[in-house]
């Protein structure tokens, strides 16, 4: 079963890295999933993710406090708003844009409900 966790960790990491450059594909959930799976399937990858200067603090905040930084929240909501505008401009049917925007609104609301990490 360890190989399945290893595979999920690497696939999630790849999707998370793609999310950095592809609008609409989230980064944070895939990186968190990668860290979760790596903790069960690849100790080396898990340690590497925790040491990464970009992802490490985010992973530690999530694991220890279930928290998301205010900067990450603003970035995510701003990106979702831009994607919603693009969706409304390009969707072939209004209801498609409405569903996508609704899902992003729910995710944004959930995200803002998460606590922020304690200050050092």
PDB file of N, CA and C in Angstrom:
ATOM      1  N   UNK A   1       0.812  -1.196   0.000  1.00  0.00           N
ATOM      2  CA  UNK A   1       0.000   0.000   0.000  1.00  0.00           C
ATOM      3  C   UNK A   1       0.856   1.261   0.000  1.00  0.00           C
ATOM      4  N   UNK A   2       2.082   1.132   0.469  1.00  0.00           N
ATOM      5  CA  UNK A   2       2.969   2.292   0.518  1.00  0.00           C
ATOM      6  C   UNK A   2       3.218   2.875  -0.869  1.00  0.00           C
ATOM      7  N   UNK A   3       3.291   2.044  -1.876  1.00  0.00           N
ATOM      8  CA  UNK A   3       3.527   2.534  -3.242  1.00  0.00           C
ATOM      9  C   UNK A   3       2.368   3.392  -3.724  1.00  0.00           C
ATOM     10  N   UNK A   4       1.134   3.081  -3.293  1.00  0.00           N
ATOM     11  CA  UNK A   4      -0.028   3.882  -3.693  1.00  0.00           C
ATOM     12  C   UNK A   4       0.051   5.276  -3.078  1.00  0.00           C
ATOM     13  N   UNK A   5       0.469   5.365  -1.806  1.00  0.00           N
ATOM     14  CA  UNK A   5       0.646   6.676  -1.179  1.00  0.00           C
ATOM     15  C   UNK A   5       1.754   7.458  -1.885  1.00  0.00           C
ATOM     16  N   UNK A   6       2.845   6.753  -2.218  1.00  0.00           N
ATOM     17  CA  UNK A   6       3.962   7.379  -2.932  1.00  0.00           C
ATOM     18  C   UNK A   6       3.485   7.957  -4.259  1.00  0.00           C
ATOM     19  N   UNK A   7       2.732   7.173  -5.012  1.00  0.00           N
ATOM     20  CA  UNK A   7       2.217   7.608  -6.310  1.00  0.00           C
ATOM     21  C   UNK A   7       1.272   8.799  -6.149  1.00  0.00           C
ATOM     22  N   UNK A   8       0.365   8.732  -5.176  1.00  0.00           N
ATOM     23  CA  UNK A   8      -0.551   9.843  -4.930  1.00  0.00           C
ATOM     24  C   UNK A   8       0.216  11.107  -4.550  1.00  0.00           C
ATOM     25  N   UNK A   9       1.265  10.962  -3.750  1.00  0.00           N
ATOM     26  CA  UNK A   9       2.074  12.115  -3.340  1.00  0.00           C
ATOM     27  C   UNK A   9       2.698  12.796  -4.548  1.00  0.00           C
ATOM     28  N   UNK A  10       3.288  12.026  -5.444  1.00  0.00           N
ATOM     29  CA  UNK A  10       3.949  12.618  -6.609  1.00  0.00           C
ATOM     30  C   UNK A  10       2.949  13.183  -7.614  1.00  0.00           C
ATOM     31  N   UNK A  11       1.834  12.493  -7.821  1.00  0.00           N
ATOM     32  CA  UNK A  11       0.802  13.017  -8.727  1.00  0.00           C
ATOM     33  C   UNK A  11       0.220  14.325  -8.196  1.00  0.00           C
ATOM     34  N   UNK A  12      -0.045  14.357  -6.903  1.00  0.00           N
ATOM     35  CA  UNK A  12      -0.583  15.575  -6.294  1.00  0.00           C
ATOM     36  C   UNK A  12       0.416  16.721  -6.368  1.00  0.00           C
ATOM     37  N   UNK A  13       1.672  16.419  -6.145  1.00  0.00           N
ATOM     38  CA  UNK A  13       2.700  17.450  -6.246  1.00  0.00           C
ATOM     39  C   UNK A  13       2.767  17.999  -7.666  1.00  0.00           C
ATOM     40  N   UNK A  14       2.718  17.106  -8.653  1.00  0.00           N
ATOM     41  CA  UNK A  14       2.730  17.547 -10.051  1.00  0.00           C
ATOM     42  C   UNK A  14       1.535  18.431 -10.378  1.00  0.00           C
ATOM     43  N   UNK A  15       0.350  18.045  -9.921  1.00  0.00           N
ATOM     44  CA  UNK A  15      -0.844  18.867 -10.166  1.00  0.00           C
ATOM     45  C   UNK A  15      -0.750  20.207  -9.440  1.00  0.00           C
ATOM     46  N   UNK A  16      -0.197  20.186  -8.241  1.00  0.00           N
ATOM     47  CA  UNK A  16      -0.029  21.424  -7.493  1.00  0.00           C
ATOM     48  C   UNK A  16       0.931  22.375  -8.187  1.00  0.00           C
ATOM     49  N   UNK A  17       2.011  21.839  -8.729  1.00  0.00           N
ATOM     50  CA  UNK A  17       2.972  22.688  -9.448  1.00  0.00           C
ATOM     51  C   UNK A  17       2.369  23.212 -10.749  1.00  0.00           C
ATOM     52  N   UNK A  18       1.552  22.400 -11.410  1.00  0.00           N
ATOM     53  CA  UNK A  18       0.847  22.894 -12.600  1.00  0.00           C
ATOM     54  C   UNK A  18      -0.119  24.017 -12.234  1.00  0.00           C
ATOM     55  N   UNK A  19      -0.714  23.913 -11.045  1.00  0.00           N
ATOM     56  CA  UNK A  19      -1.644  24.933 -10.590  1.00  0.00           C
ATOM     57  C   UNK A  19      -1.004  26.297 -10.400  1.00  0.00           C
ATOM     58  N   UNK A  20       0.313  26.321 -10.253  1.00  0.00           N
ATOM     59  CA  UNK A  20       1.009  27.602 -10.128  1.00  0.00           C
ATOM     60  C   UNK A  20       0.876  28.406 -11.412  1.00  0.00           C
ATOM     61  N   UNK A  21       0.865  27.733 -12.561  1.00  0.00           N
ATOM     62  CA  UNK A  21       0.851  28.441 -13.846  1.00  0.00           C
ATOM     63  C   UNK A  21      -0.467  28.339 -14.600  1.00  0.00           C
ATOM     64  N   UNK A  22      -1.328  27.402 -14.237  1.00  0.00           N
ATOM     65  CA  UNK A  22      -2.596  27.245 -14.938  1.00  0.00           C
ATOM     66  C   UNK A  22      -3.741  27.831 -14.115  1.00  0.00           C
ATOM     67  N   UNK A  23      -4.401  28.856 -14.638  1.00  0.00           N
ATOM     68  CA  UNK A  23      -5.527  29.417 -13.888  1.00  0.00           C
ATOM     69  C   UNK A  23      -6.656  28.396 -13.781  1.00  0.00           C
ATOM     70  N   UNK A  24      -7.278  28.381 -12.632  1.00  0.00           N
ATOM     71  CA  UNK A  24      -8.388  27.457 -12.416  1.00  0.00           C
ATOM     72  C   UNK A  24      -7.977  26.159 -11.761  1.00  0.00           C
ATOM     73  N   UNK A  25      -6.690  25.822 -11.807  1.00  0.00           N
ATOM     74  CA  UNK A  25      -6.204  24.603 -11.159  1.00  0.00           C
ATOM     75  C   UNK A  25      -5.577  25.013  -9.833  1.00  0.00           C
ATOM     76  N   UNK A  26      -6.143  24.564  -8.709  1.00  0.00           N
ATOM     77  CA  UNK A  26      -5.637  25.028  -7.416  1.00  0.00           C
ATOM     78  C   UNK A  26      -4.272  24.443  -7.082  1.00  0.00           C
ATOM     79  N   UNK A  27      -3.493  25.203  -6.364  1.00  0.00           N
ATOM     80  CA  UNK A  27      -2.166  24.756  -5.945  1.00  0.00           C
ATOM     81  C   UNK A  27      -2.203  24.195  -4.532  1.00  0.00           C
ATOM     82  N   UNK A  28      -2.728  24.971  -3.607  1.00  0.00           N
ATOM     83  CA  UNK A  28      -2.656  24.634  -2.183  1.00  0.00           C
ATOM     84  C   UNK A  28      -3.261  23.270  -1.852  1.00  0.00           C
ATOM     85  N   UNK A  29      -4.481  22.955  -2.306  1.00  0.00           N
ATOM     86  CA  UNK A  29      -5.031  21.638  -1.925  1.00  0.00           C
ATOM     87  C   UNK A  29      -4.184  20.466  -2.425  1.00  0.00           C
ATOM     88  N   UNK A  30      -3.611  20.599  -3.609  1.00  0.00           N
ATOM     89  CA  UNK A  30      -2.784  19.509  -4.142  1.00  0.00           C
ATOM     90  C   UNK A  30      -1.464  19.382  -3.377  1.00  0.00           C
ATOM     91  N   UNK A  31      -0.888  20.506  -2.962  1.00  0.00           N
ATOM     92  CA  UNK A  31       0.349  20.446  -2.187  1.00  0.00           C
ATOM     93  C   UNK A  31       0.069  19.834  -0.816  1.00  0.00           C
ATOM     94  N   UNK A  32      -1.048  20.215  -0.199  1.00  0.00           N
ATOM     95  CA  UNK A  32      -1.404  19.627   1.100  1.00  0.00           C
ATOM     96  C   UNK A  32      -1.680  18.133   0.968  1.00  0.00           C
ATOM     97  N   UNK A  33      -2.370  17.742  -0.100  1.00  0.00           N
ATOM     98  CA  UNK A  33      -2.619  16.315  -0.340  1.00  0.00           C
ATOM     99  C   UNK A  33      -1.304  15.579  -0.572  1.00  0.00           C
ATOM    100  N   UNK A  34      -0.391  16.214  -1.289  1.00  0.00           N
ATOM    101  CA  UNK A  34       0.917  15.613  -1.532  1.00  0.00           C
ATOM    102  C   UNK A  34       1.665  15.380  -0.214  1.00  0.00           C
ATOM    103  N   UNK A  35       1.637  16.373   0.662  1.00  0.00           N
ATOM    104  CA  UNK A  35       2.314  16.224   1.951  1.00  0.00           C
ATOM    105  C   UNK A  35       1.667  15.117   2.779  1.00  0.00           C
ATOM    106  N   UNK A  36       0.344  15.053   2.762  1.00  0.00           N
ATOM    107  CA  UNK A  36      -0.368  14.012   3.500  1.00  0.00           C
ATOM    108  C   UNK A  36       0.018  12.625   2.986  1.00  0.00           C
ATOM    109  N   UNK A  37      -0.019  12.470   1.671  1.00  0.00           N
ATOM    110  CA  UNK A  37       0.312  11.168   1.082  1.00  0.00           C
ATOM    111  C   UNK A  37       1.789  10.837   1.259  1.00  0.00           C
ATOM    112  N   UNK A  38       2.657  11.832   1.142  1.00  0.00           N
ATOM    113  CA  UNK A  38       4.091  11.589   1.297  1.00  0.00           C
ATOM    114  C   UNK A  38       4.422  11.148   2.712  1.00  0.00           C
ATOM    115  N   UNK A  39       3.702  11.653   3.692  1.00  0.00           N
ATOM    116  CA  UNK A  39       3.939  11.234   5.079  1.00  0.00           C
ATOM    117  C   UNK A  39       3.678   9.743   5.250  1.00  0.00           C
ATOM    118  N   UNK A  40       2.860   9.173   4.381  1.00  0.00           N
ATOM    119  CA  UNK A  40       2.538   7.755   4.460  1.00  0.00           C
ATOM    120  C   UNK A  40       3.300   6.898   3.453  1.00  0.00           C
ATOM    121  N   UNK A  41       3.844   7.537   2.412  1.00  0.00           N
ATOM    122  CA  UNK A  41       4.477   6.737   1.373  1.00  0.00           C
ATOM    123  C   UNK A  41       5.910   7.089   1.034  1.00  0.00           C
ATOM    124  N   UNK A  42       6.365   8.285   1.399  1.00  0.00           N
ATOM    125  CA  UNK A  42       7.729   8.680   1.050  1.00  0.00           C
ATOM    126  C   UNK A  42       8.239   9.677   2.082  1.00  0.00           C
ATOM    127  N   UNK A  43       8.933   9.170   3.061  1.00  0.00           N
ATOM    128  CA  UNK A  43       9.474  10.030   4.120  1.00  0.00           C
ATOM    129  C   UNK A  43      10.394  11.096   3.526  1.00  0.00           C
ATOM    130  N   UNK A  44      11.156  10.717   2.520  1.00  0.00           N
ATOM    131  CA  UNK A  44      12.094  11.661   1.894  1.00  0.00           C
ATOM    132  C   UNK A  44      11.359  12.824   1.226  1.00  0.00           C
ATOM    133  N   UNK A  45      10.294  12.533   0.480  1.00  0.00           N
ATOM    134  CA  UNK A  45       9.510  13.592  -0.159  1.00  0.00           C
ATOM    135  C   UNK A  45       8.821  14.450   0.897  1.00  0.00           C
ATOM    136  N   UNK A  46       8.307  13.839   1.932  1.00  0.00           N
ATOM    137  CA  UNK A  46       7.636  14.592   2.993  1.00  0.00           C
ATOM    138  C   UNK A  46       8.604  15.577   3.646  1.00  0.00           C
ATOM    139  N   UNK A  47       9.794  15.120   3.970  1.00  0.00           N
ATOM    140  CA  UNK A  47      10.808  16.001   4.567  1.00  0.00           C
ATOM    141  C   UNK A  47      11.178  17.129   3.608  1.00  0.00           C
ATOM    142  N   UNK A  48      11.280  16.805   2.347  1.00  0.00           N
ATOM    143  CA  UNK A  48      11.617  17.817   1.340  1.00  0.00           C
ATOM    144  C   UNK A  48      10.523  18.881   1.239  1.00  0.00           C
ATOM    145  N   UNK A  49       9.272  18.459   1.259  1.00  0.00           N
ATOM    146  CA  UNK A  49       8.162  19.414   1.216  1.00  0.00           C
ATOM    147  C   UNK A  49       8.153  20.311   2.448  1.00  0.00           C
ATOM    148  N   UNK A  50       8.433  19.744   3.607  1.00  0.00           N
ATOM    149  CA  UNK A  50       8.452  20.533   4.829  1.00  0.00           C
ATOM    150  C   UNK A  50       9.600  21.539   4.847  1.00  0.00           C
ATOM    151  N   UNK A  51      10.711  21.220   4.194  1.00  0.00           N
ATOM    152  CA  UNK A  51      11.862  22.126   4.135  1.00  0.00           C
ATOM    153  C   UNK A  51      11.742  23.175   3.031  1.00  0.00           C
ATOM    154  N   UNK A  52      10.824  22.970   2.093  1.00  0.00           N
ATOM    155  CA  UNK A  52      10.698  23.902   0.977  1.00  0.00           C
ATOM    156  C   UNK A  52      10.294  25.286   1.491  1.00  0.00           C
ATOM    157  N   UNK A  53      10.995  26.349   1.062  1.00  0.00           N
ATOM    158  CA  UNK A  53      10.675  27.686   1.581  1.00  0.00           C
ATOM    159  C   UNK A  53       9.311  28.208   1.146  1.00  0.00           C
ATOM    160  N   UNK A  54       8.784  27.730   0.030  1.00  0.00           N
ATOM    161  CA  UNK A  54       7.465  28.184  -0.433  1.00  0.00           C
ATOM    162  C   UNK A  54       6.342  27.384   0.186  1.00  0.00           C
ATOM    163  N   UNK A  55       6.478  26.084   0.225  1.00  0.00           N
ATOM    164  CA  UNK A  55       5.388  25.221   0.655  1.00  0.00           C
ATOM    165  C   UNK A  55       5.481  24.778   2.111  1.00  0.00           C
ATOM    166  N   UNK A  56       6.677  24.702   2.657  1.00  0.00           N
ATOM    167  CA  UNK A  56       6.875  24.198   4.010  1.00  0.00           C
ATOM    168  C   UNK A  56       6.061  24.920   5.069  1.00  0.00           C
ATOM    169  N   UNK A  57       6.156  26.263   5.146  1.00  0.00           N
ATOM    170  CA  UNK A  57       5.377  26.965   6.173  1.00  0.00           C
ATOM    171  C   UNK A  57       3.864  26.752   6.024  1.00  0.00           C
ATOM    172  N   UNK A  58       3.389  26.708   4.796  1.00  0.00           N
ATOM    173  CA  UNK A  58       1.964  26.490   4.542  1.00  0.00           C
ATOM    174  C   UNK A  58       1.539  25.109   5.043  1.00  0.00           C
ATOM    175  N   UNK A  59       2.356  24.103   4.795  1.00  0.00           N
ATOM    176  CA  UNK A  59       2.041  22.737   5.214  1.00  0.00           C
ATOM    177  C   UNK A  59       2.053  22.638   6.738  1.00  0.00           C
ATOM    178  N   UNK A  60       3.057  23.233   7.369  1.00  0.00           N
ATOM    179  CA  UNK A  60       3.159  23.192   8.830  1.00  0.00           C
ATOM    180  C   UNK A  60       1.968  23.913   9.462  1.00  0.00           C
ATOM    181  N   UNK A  61       1.603  25.089   8.932  1.00  0.00           N
ATOM    182  CA  UNK A  61       0.446  25.816   9.458  1.00  0.00           C
ATOM    183  C   UNK A  61      -0.818  24.972   9.366  1.00  0.00           C
ATOM    184  N   UNK A  62      -0.991  24.291   8.248  1.00  0.00           N
ATOM    185  CA  UNK A  62      -2.183  23.469   8.062  1.00  0.00           C
ATOM    186  C   UNK A  62      -2.181  22.276   9.015  1.00  0.00           C
ATOM    187  N   UNK A  63      -1.041  21.587   9.109  1.00  0.00           N
ATOM    188  CA  UNK A  63      -0.964  20.400   9.965  1.00  0.00           C
ATOM    189  C   UNK A  63      -1.132  20.737  11.434  1.00  0.00           C
ATOM    190  N   UNK A  64      -0.524  21.823  11.876  1.00  0.00           N
ATOM    191  CA  UNK A  64      -0.538  22.137  13.299  1.00  0.00           C
ATOM    192  C   UNK A  64      -1.785  22.891  13.750  1.00  0.00           C
ATOM    193  N   UNK A  65      -2.340  23.735  12.865  1.00  0.00           N
ATOM    194  CA  UNK A  65      -3.427  24.606  13.298  1.00  0.00           C
ATOM    195  C   UNK A  65      -4.659  24.566  12.395  1.00  0.00           C
ATOM    196  N   UNK A  66      -4.586  23.856  11.259  1.00  0.00           N
ATOM    197  CA  UNK A  66      -5.686  23.911  10.297  1.00  0.00           C
ATOM    198  C   UNK A  66      -5.837  25.325   9.761  1.00  0.00           C
ATOM    199  N   UNK A  67      -4.709  26.038   9.690  1.00  0.00           N
ATOM    200  CA  UNK A  67      -4.717  27.464   9.396  1.00  0.00           C
ATOM    201  C   UNK A  67      -4.190  27.770   8.001  1.00  0.00           C
ATOM    202  N   UNK A  68      -4.672  28.891   7.458  1.00  0.00           N
ATOM    203  CA  UNK A  68      -4.229  29.402   6.156  1.00  0.00           C
ATOM    204  C   UNK A  68      -3.877  30.874   6.351  1.00  0.00           C
ATOM    205  N   UNK A  69      -2.725  31.286   5.845  1.00  0.00           N
ATOM    206  CA  UNK A  69      -2.294  32.667   6.034  1.00  0.00           C
ATOM    207  C   UNK A  69      -3.219  33.637   5.294  1.00  0.00           C
ATOM    208  N   UNK A  70      -3.269  34.843   5.799  1.00  0.00           N
ATOM    209  CA  UNK A  70      -4.113  35.871   5.182  1.00  0.00           C
ATOM    210  C   UNK A  70      -3.647  36.149   3.748  1.00  0.00           C
ATOM    211  N   UNK A  71      -2.347  36.142   3.540  1.00  0.00           N
ATOM    212  CA  UNK A  71      -1.808  36.373   2.197  1.00  0.00           C
ATOM    213  C   UNK A  71      -2.303  35.304   1.224  1.00  0.00           C
ATOM    214  N   UNK A  72      -2.276  34.048   1.649  1.00  0.00           N
ATOM    215  CA  UNK A  72      -2.751  32.949   0.801  1.00  0.00           C
ATOM    216  C   UNK A  72      -4.246  33.071   0.534  1.00  0.00           C
ATOM    217  N   UNK A  73      -5.000  33.503   1.546  1.00  0.00           N
ATOM    218  CA  UNK A  73      -6.442  33.688   1.369  1.00  0.00           C
ATOM    219  C   UNK A  73      -6.711  34.765   0.319  1.00  0.00           C
ATOM    220  N   UNK A  74      -6.036  35.903   0.454  1.00  0.00           N
ATOM    221  CA  UNK A  74      -6.239  36.989  -0.514  1.00  0.00           C
ATOM    222  C   UNK A  74      -5.851  36.555  -1.923  1.00  0.00           C
ATOM    223  N   UNK A  75      -4.721  35.851  -2.024  1.00  0.00           N
ATOM    224  CA  UNK A  75      -4.273  35.395  -3.347  1.00  0.00           C
ATOM    225  C   UNK A  75      -5.293  34.445  -3.955  1.00  0.00           C
ATOM    226  N   UNK A  76      -5.782  33.508  -3.175  1.00  0.00           N
ATOM    227  CA  UNK A  76      -6.743  32.528  -3.680  1.00  0.00           C
ATOM    228  C   UNK A  76      -8.047  33.193  -4.106  1.00  0.00           C
ATOM    229  N   UNK A  77      -8.564  34.090  -3.279  1.00  0.00           N
ATOM    230  CA  UNK A  77      -9.833  34.738  -3.602  1.00  0.00           C
ATOM    231  C   UNK A  77      -9.681  35.659  -4.816  1.00  0.00           C
ATOM    232  N   UNK A  78      -8.569  36.359  -4.914  1.00  0.00           N
ATOM    233  CA  UNK A  78      -8.326  37.219  -6.081  1.00  0.00           C
ATOM    234  C   UNK A  78      -8.238  36.386  -7.357  1.00  0.00           C
ATOM    235  N   UNK A  79      -7.540  35.264  -7.285  1.00  0.00           N
ATOM    236  CA  UNK A  79      -7.422  34.382  -8.448  1.00  0.00           C
ATOM    237  C   UNK A  79      -8.787  33.805  -8.829  1.00  0.00           C
ATOM    238  N   UNK A  80      -9.567  33.399  -7.830  1.00  0.00           N
ATOM    239  CA  UNK A  80     -10.902  32.871  -8.124  1.00  0.00           C
ATOM    240  C   UNK A  80     -11.799  33.939  -8.738  1.00  0.00           C
ATOM    241  N   UNK A  81     -11.681  35.174  -8.262  1.00  0.00           N
ATOM    242  CA  UNK A  81     -12.489  36.262  -8.834  1.00  0.00           C
ATOM    243  C   UNK A  81     -12.113  36.501 -10.298  1.00  0.00           C
ATOM    244  N   UNK A  82     -10.817  36.485 -10.584  1.00  0.00           N
ATOM    245  CA  UNK A  82     -10.381  36.655 -11.977  1.00  0.00           C
ATOM    246  C   UNK A  82     -10.882  35.507 -12.851  1.00  0.00           C
ATOM    247  N   UNK A  83     -10.834  34.297 -12.320  1.00  0.00           N
ATOM    248  CA  UNK A  83     -11.340  33.143 -13.073  1.00  0.00           C
ATOM    249  C   UNK A  83     -12.849  33.238 -13.274  1.00  0.00           C
ATOM    250  N   UNK A  84     -13.562  33.754 -12.286  1.00  0.00           N
ATOM    251  CA  UNK A  84     -15.016  33.910 -12.424  1.00  0.00           C
ATOM    252  C   UNK A  84     -15.333  34.912 -13.527  1.00  0.00           C
ATOM    253  N   UNK A  85     -14.590  36.005 -13.585  1.00  0.00           N
ATOM    254  CA  UNK A  85     -14.801  36.995 -14.654  1.00  0.00           C
ATOM    255  C   UNK A  85     -14.554  36.355 -16.017  1.00  0.00           C
ATOM    256  N   UNK A  86     -13.441  35.627 -16.136  1.00  0.00           N
ATOM    257  CA  UNK A  86     -13.157  34.939 -17.407  1.00  0.00           C
ATOM    258  C   UNK A  86     -14.243  33.929 -17.743  1.00  0.00           C
ATOM    259  N   UNK A  87     -14.734  33.250 -16.747  1.00  0.00           N
ATOM    260  CA  UNK A  87     -15.789  32.267 -16.968  1.00  0.00           C
ATOM    261  C   UNK A  87     -17.057  32.931 -17.497  1.00  0.00           C
ATOM    262  N   UNK A  88     -17.438  34.063 -16.893  1.00  0.00           N
ATOM    263  CA  UNK A  88     -18.635  34.762 -17.359  1.00  0.00           C
ATOM    264  C   UNK A  88     -18.450  35.312 -18.770  1.00  0.00           C
ATOM    265  N   UNK A  89     -17.225  35.654 -19.133  1.00  0.00           N
ATOM    266  CA  UNK A  89     -16.976  36.193 -20.470  1.00  0.00           C
ATOM    267  C   UNK A  89     -16.892  35.115 -21.543  1.00  0.00           C
ATOM    268  N   UNK A  90     -16.574  33.895 -21.155  1.00  0.00           N
ATOM    269  CA  UNK A  90     -16.303  32.863 -22.163  1.00  0.00           C
ATOM    270  C   UNK A  90     -17.243  31.658 -22.129  1.00  0.00           C
ATOM    271  N   UNK A  91     -18.023  31.493 -21.080  1.00  0.00           N
ATOM    272  CA  UNK A  91     -18.886  30.312 -20.973  1.00  0.00           C
ATOM    273  C   UNK A  91     -19.976  30.350 -22.050  1.00  0.00           C
ATOM    274  N   UNK A  92     -20.236  29.229 -22.702  1.00  0.00           N
ATOM    275  CA  UNK A  92     -21.268  29.203 -23.738  1.00  0.00           C
ATOM    276  C   UNK A  92     -22.689  29.347 -23.200  1.00  0.00           C
ATOM    277  N   UNK A  93     -22.905  28.984 -21.946  1.00  0.00           N
ATOM    278  CA  UNK A  93     -24.225  29.094 -21.318  1.00  0.00           C
ATOM    279  C   UNK A  93     -24.066  29.789 -19.970  1.00  0.00           C
ATOM    280  N   UNK A  94     -25.043  30.619 -19.607  1.00  0.00           N
ATOM    281  CA  UNK A  94     -24.963  31.376 -18.362  1.00  0.00           C
ATOM    282  C   UNK A  94     -24.892  30.468 -17.146  1.00  0.00           C
ATOM    283  N   UNK A  95     -25.587  29.341 -17.176  1.00  0.00           N
ATOM    284  CA  UNK A  95     -25.640  28.462 -16.024  1.00  0.00           C
ATOM    285  C   UNK A  95     -24.288  27.794 -15.754  1.00  0.00           C
ATOM    286  N   UNK A  96     -23.493  27.627 -16.809  1.00  0.00           N
ATOM    287  CA  UNK A  96     -22.151  27.068 -16.616  1.00  0.00           C
ATOM    288  C   UNK A  96     -21.295  28.035 -15.801  1.00  0.00           C
ATOM    289  N   UNK A  97     -21.369  29.313 -16.164  1.00  0.00           N
ATOM    290  CA  UNK A  97     -20.626  30.330 -15.420  1.00  0.00           C
ATOM    291  C   UNK A  97     -21.163  30.447 -13.997  1.00  0.00           C
ATOM    292  N   UNK A  98     -22.467  30.321 -13.839  1.00  0.00           N
ATOM    293  CA  UNK A  98     -23.076  30.438 -12.517  1.00  0.00           C
ATOM    294  C   UNK A  98     -22.633  29.291 -11.600  1.00  0.00           C
ATOM    295  N   UNK A  99     -22.585  28.091 -12.132  1.00  0.00           N
ATOM    296  CA  UNK A  99     -22.158  26.944 -11.317  1.00  0.00           C
ATOM    297  C   UNK A  99     -20.694  27.106 -10.916  1.00  0.00           C
ATOM    298  N   UNK A 100     -19.845  27.439 -11.864  1.00  0.00           N
ATOM    299  CA  UNK A 100     -18.423  27.630 -11.559  1.00  0.00           C
ATOM    300  C   UNK A 100     -18.198  28.732 -10.541  1.00  0.00           C
ATOM    301  N   UNK A 101     -18.898  29.846 -10.719  1.00  0.00           N
ATOM    302  CA  UNK A 101     -18.773  30.960  -9.788  1.00  0.00           C
ATOM    303  C   UNK A 101     -19.311  30.580  -8.416  1.00  0.00           C
ATOM    304  N   UNK A 102     -20.397  29.835  -8.392  1.00  0.00           N
ATOM    305  CA  UNK A 102     -20.954  29.381  -7.118  1.00  0.00           C
ATOM    306  C   UNK A 102     -20.000  28.480  -6.357  1.00  0.00           C
ATOM    307  N   UNK A 103     -19.368  27.554  -7.065  1.00  0.00           N
ATOM    308  CA  UNK A 103     -18.394  26.659  -6.423  1.00  0.00           C
ATOM    309  C   UNK A 103     -17.234  27.475  -5.863  1.00  0.00           C
ATOM    310  N   UNK A 104     -16.744  28.435  -6.642  1.00  0.00           N
ATOM    311  CA  UNK A 104     -15.642  29.269  -6.157  1.00  0.00           C
ATOM    312  C   UNK A 104     -16.069  30.111  -4.957  1.00  0.00           C
ATOM    313  N   UNK A 105     -17.303  30.567  -4.938  1.00  0.00           N
ATOM    314  CA  UNK A 105     -17.803  31.343  -3.794  1.00  0.00           C
ATOM    315  C   UNK A 105     -17.848  30.481  -2.535  1.00  0.00           C
ATOM    316  N   UNK A 106     -18.283  29.241  -2.684  1.00  0.00           N
ATOM    317  CA  UNK A 106     -18.321  28.331  -1.531  1.00  0.00           C
ATOM    318  C   UNK A 106     -16.902  28.064  -1.031  1.00  0.00           C
ATOM    319  N   UNK A 107     -15.983  27.795  -1.936  1.00  0.00           N
ATOM    320  CA  UNK A 107     -14.588  27.536  -1.548  1.00  0.00           C
ATOM    321  C   UNK A 107     -13.985  28.775  -0.890  1.00  0.00           C
ATOM    322  N   UNK A 108     -14.238  29.951  -1.459  1.00  0.00           N
ATOM    323  CA  UNK A 108     -13.721  31.186  -0.872  1.00  0.00           C
ATOM    324  C   UNK A 108     -14.275  31.431   0.526  1.00  0.00           C
ATOM    325  N   UNK A 109     -15.549  31.162   0.713  1.00  0.00           N
ATOM    326  CA  UNK A 109     -16.161  31.322   2.030  1.00  0.00           C
ATOM    327  C   UNK A 109     -15.544  30.355   3.037  1.00  0.00           C
ATOM    328  N   UNK A 110     -15.390  29.107   2.624  1.00  0.00           N
ATOM    329  CA  UNK A 110     -14.750  28.115   3.500  1.00  0.00           C
ATOM    330  C   UNK A 110     -13.333  28.542   3.846  1.00  0.00           C
ATOM    331  N   UNK A 111     -12.605  29.033   2.846  1.00  0.00           N
ATOM    332  CA  UNK A 111     -11.215  29.439   3.054  1.00  0.00           C
ATOM    333  C   UNK A 111     -11.116  30.569   4.071  1.00  0.00           C
ATOM    334  N   UNK A 112     -11.994  31.583   3.955  1.00  0.00           N
ATOM    335  CA  UNK A 112     -11.959  32.697   4.894  1.00  0.00           C
ATOM    336  C   UNK A 112     -12.416  32.287   6.292  1.00  0.00           C
ATOM    337  N   UNK A 113     -13.125  31.180   6.395  1.00  0.00           N
ATOM    338  CA  UNK A 113     -13.550  30.685   7.709  1.00  0.00           C
ATOM    339  C   UNK A 113     -12.424  29.952   8.436  1.00  0.00           C
ATOM    340  N   UNK A 114     -11.369  29.574   7.705  1.00  0.00           N
ATOM    341  CA  UNK A 114     -10.222  28.895   8.322  1.00  0.00           C
ATOM    342  C   UNK A 114      -9.471  29.899   9.183  1.00  0.00           C
ATOM    343  N   UNK A 115      -8.935  29.452  10.308  1.00  0.00           N
ATOM    344  CA  UNK A 115      -8.157  30.364  11.152  1.00  0.00           C
ATOM    345  C   UNK A 115      -6.837  30.744  10.474  1.00  0.00           C
ATOM    346  N   UNK A 116      -6.267  31.833  10.958  1.00  0.00           N
ATOM    347  CA  UNK A 116      -4.943  32.239  10.479  1.00  0.00           C
ATOM    348  C   UNK A 116      -3.907  31.693  11.446  1.00  0.00           C
ATOM    349  N   UNK A 117      -2.696  31.406  10.946  1.00  0.00           N
ATOM    350  CA  UNK A 117      -1.675  30.855  11.832  1.00  0.00           C
ATOM    351  C   UNK A 117      -1.300  31.851  12.929  1.00  0.00           C
ATOM    352  N   UNK A 118      -0.946  31.345  14.104  1.00  0.00           N
ATOM    353  CA  UNK A 118      -0.541  32.258  15.172  1.00  0.00           C
ATOM    354  C   UNK A 118       0.745  32.988  14.794  1.00  0.00           C
ATOM    355  N   UNK A 119       0.845  34.209  15.247  1.00  0.00           N
ATOM    356  CA  UNK A 119       2.060  34.995  14.952  1.00  0.00           C
ATOM    357  C   UNK A 119       3.221  34.483  15.775  1.00  0.00           C
ATOM    358  N   UNK A 120       4.391  34.522  15.153  1.00  0.00           N
ATOM    359  CA  UNK A 120       5.591  34.024  15.849  1.00  0.00           C
ATOM    360  C   UNK A 120       6.071  35.005  16.905  1.00  0.00           C
TER     361      UNK A 120
END
